Amino acid sequence: MNDELGRVFETVSRYFALLAEPMRIRILHAICDRERSVSEIVEETGGTQTNISRHLNSMYRAGVLTRRKEGNFIHYGVADAALTEICRTVCVHIAAQAAEQDTGQAQMIRLATDLQKAQSQRRAGARRAASRVPGPAPEHGA
């Protein structure tokens, strides 16, 4: 394989590795529309300050986030819109698949429920029919 192409593949792999942590996807979601302070990101993601700061720093060093200081606050934004678009595209794709599976599961549950009802109705009908079947005729003339 071409060494140059191999380097591209390695770089792409590292790029995608940035999304391997669910918290990093949450962070991207929190800042995809506008720059936010670390405390806003912590609040929106539900993570701890330490954990969020560690992820933000890693993503900033990788070049996908911007960082600026304003007074006592540090604000982060998206530096690489392509990463946000990739993330959004995959999230939409996964959500659509989950919806299809949920629909399929709901249909299976309805089918199973319908089958159970039909089986119960058949059993009830069979019991009614059995109760109407006359037994042996009583003997007369003893």
Protein backbone atom coordinates (compact mmCIF):
# COMPACT_ATOMS: atom_id res chain seq x y z
CA MET A 1 0.00 0.00 0.00
CA ASN A 2 1.14 3.49 -0.75
CA ASP A 3 2.84 5.06 2.30
CA GLU A 4 1.02 8.34 1.71
CA LEU A 5 -2.36 6.62 1.61
CA GLY A 6 -1.43 4.68 4.75
CA ARG A 7 -0.69 7.96 6.56
CA VAL A 8 -4.05 9.35 5.44
CA PHE A 9 -5.82 6.27 6.79
CA GLU A 10 -4.00 6.58 10.13
CA THR A 11 -4.96 10.25 10.37
CA VAL A 12 -8.60 9.44 9.54
CA SER A 13 -8.56 6.72 12.20
CA ARG A 14 -7.29 9.19 14.84
CA TYR A 15 -9.92 11.71 13.67
CA PHE A 16 -12.73 9.20 14.12
CA ALA A 17 -11.25 8.09 17.45
CA LEU A 18 -12.21 11.52 18.77
CA LEU A 19 -15.83 10.34 18.58
CA ALA A 20 -15.16 7.05 20.37
CA GLU A 21 -16.14 8.58 23.72
CA PRO A 22 -19.88 9.22 24.18
CA MET A 23 -19.10 12.27 26.32
CA ARG A 24 -17.23 13.87 23.42
CA ILE A 25 -20.33 13.46 21.26
CA ARG A 26 -22.36 15.11 24.03
CA ILE A 27 -19.84 17.94 24.11
CA LEU A 28 -20.06 18.41 20.34
CA HIS A 29 -23.84 18.46 20.63
CA ALA A 30 -23.62 21.12 23.34
CA ILE A 31 -21.42 23.44 21.29
CA CYS A 32 -22.46 22.65 17.72
CA ASP A 33 -24.61 25.77 17.38
CA ARG A 34 -22.57 28.25 19.41
CA GLU A 35 -19.57 28.72 21.62
CA ARG A 36 -20.12 27.90 25.31
CA SER A 37 -18.25 28.25 28.57
CA VAL A 38 -16.94 25.18 30.35
CA SER A 39 -19.59 25.56 33.07
CA GLU A 40 -22.36 25.69 30.42
CA ILE A 41 -20.95 22.56 28.77
CA VAL A 42 -20.77 20.79 32.14
CA GLU A 43 -24.39 21.73 32.85
CA GLU A 44 -25.65 20.65 29.44
CA THR A 45 -23.78 17.34 29.31
CA GLY A 46 -24.25 16.33 32.94
CA GLY A 47 -20.58 15.43 33.27
CA THR A 48 -18.16 16.47 35.97
CA GLN A 49 -16.00 19.56 35.59
CA THR A 50 -12.85 17.42 35.65
CA ASN A 51 -14.07 14.94 33.04
CA ILE A 52 -15.42 17.64 30.70
CA SER A 53 -12.22 19.69 30.98
CA ARG A 54 -10.12 16.63 30.13
CA HIS A 55 -12.20 15.90 27.01
CA LEU A 56 -12.25 19.56 25.95
CA ASN A 57 -8.49 19.77 26.24
CA SER A 58 -7.99 16.60 24.19
CA MET A 59 -10.35 17.81 21.49
CA TYR A 60 -8.73 21.26 21.46
CA ARG A 61 -5.24 19.72 21.10
CA ALA A 62 -6.56 17.61 18.20
CA GLY A 63 -7.62 20.82 16.47
CA VAL A 64 -11.37 20.24 16.35
CA LEU A 65 -12.30 22.87 18.95
CA THR A 66 -11.55 26.55 19.40
CA ARG A 67 -10.77 27.99 22.80
CA ARG A 68 -10.78 31.54 24.07
CA LYS A 69 -10.54 33.09 27.49
CA GLU A 70 -12.91 35.84 28.56
CA GLY A 71 -12.29 37.04 32.09
CA ASN A 72 -12.40 34.02 34.36
CA PHE A 73 -14.23 31.90 31.80
CA ILE A 74 -12.93 29.70 29.02
CA HIS A 75 -15.22 29.28 26.02
CA TYR A 76 -15.08 26.44 23.52
CA GLY A 77 -16.49 26.24 20.03
CA VAL A 78 -16.31 23.99 17.01
CA ALA A 79 -13.22 24.57 14.87
CA ASP A 80 -13.90 21.75 12.45
CA ALA A 81 -17.48 21.83 11.16
CA ALA A 82 -16.85 18.59 9.23
CA LEU A 83 -16.61 16.66 12.49
CA THR A 84 -19.94 18.08 13.61
CA GLU A 85 -21.53 17.18 10.28
CA ILE A 86 -20.13 13.64 10.40
CA CYS A 87 -21.42 13.25 13.95
CA ARG A 88 -24.85 14.66 13.04
CA THR A 89 -25.13 12.42 9.97
CA VAL A 90 -24.26 9.28 11.93
CA CYS A 91 -26.59 10.23 14.81
CA VAL A 92 -29.51 10.74 12.40
CA HIS A 93 -28.71 7.44 10.68
CA ILE A 94 -28.55 5.54 13.99
CA ALA A 95 -31.75 7.19 15.25
CA ALA A 96 -33.56 6.18 12.05
CA GLN A 97 -32.38 2.58 12.42
CA ALA A 98 -33.52 2.53 16.05
CA ALA A 99 -36.92 3.90 15.03
CA GLU A 100 -37.23 1.16 12.41
CA GLN A 101 -36.31 -1.48 14.98
CA ASP A 102 -38.76 0.00 17.49
CA THR A 103 -41.48 -0.04 14.82
CA GLY A 104 -40.61 -3.63 13.98
CA GLN A 105 -40.62 -4.58 17.65
CA ALA A 106 -43.95 -2.82 18.18
CA GLN A 107 -45.41 -4.71 15.22
CA MET A 108 -44.10 -8.00 16.61
CA ILE A 109 -45.62 -7.24 20.02
CA ARG A 110 -48.98 -6.38 18.41
CA LEU A 111 -48.84 -9.60 16.38
CA ALA A 112 -48.01 -11.65 19.49
CA THR A 113 -50.85 -9.96 21.39
CA ASP A 114 -53.27 -10.63 18.53
CA LEU A 115 -52.17 -14.27 18.40
CA GLN A 116 -52.63 -14.63 22.16
CA LYS A 117 -56.13 -13.12 21.94
CA ALA A 118 -57.05 -15.42 19.04
CA GLN A 119 -55.73 -18.44 20.95
CA SER A 120 -57.72 -17.43 24.06
CA GLN A 121 -60.86 -16.99 21.96
CA ARG A 122 -60.38 -20.42 20.37
CA ARG A 123 -59.95 -22.02 23.80
CA ALA A 124 -63.04 -20.22 25.15
CA GLY A 125 -65.02 -21.33 22.09
CA ALA A 126 -63.83 -24.91 22.53
CA ARG A 127 -64.86 -24.83 26.23
CA ARG A 128 -68.32 -23.48 25.33
CA ALA A 129 -68.73 -26.13 22.66
CA ALA A 130 -67.64 -28.86 25.08
CA SER A 131 -70.15 -27.69 27.65
CA ARG A 132 -72.96 -27.96 25.06
CA VAL A 133 -72.05 -31.47 23.96
CA PRO A 134 -74.54 -33.81 25.57
CA GLY A 135 -73.18 -36.62 27.60
CA PRO A 136 -74.38 -40.21 27.30
CA ALA A 137 -78.15 -40.46 27.36
CA PRO A 138 -79.56 -41.52 30.67
CA GLU A 139 -80.95 -45.01 30.72
CA HIS A 140 -84.72 -45.30 31.20
CA GLY A 141 -86.51 -48.24 32.51
CA ALA A 142 -84.69 -49.57 35.41
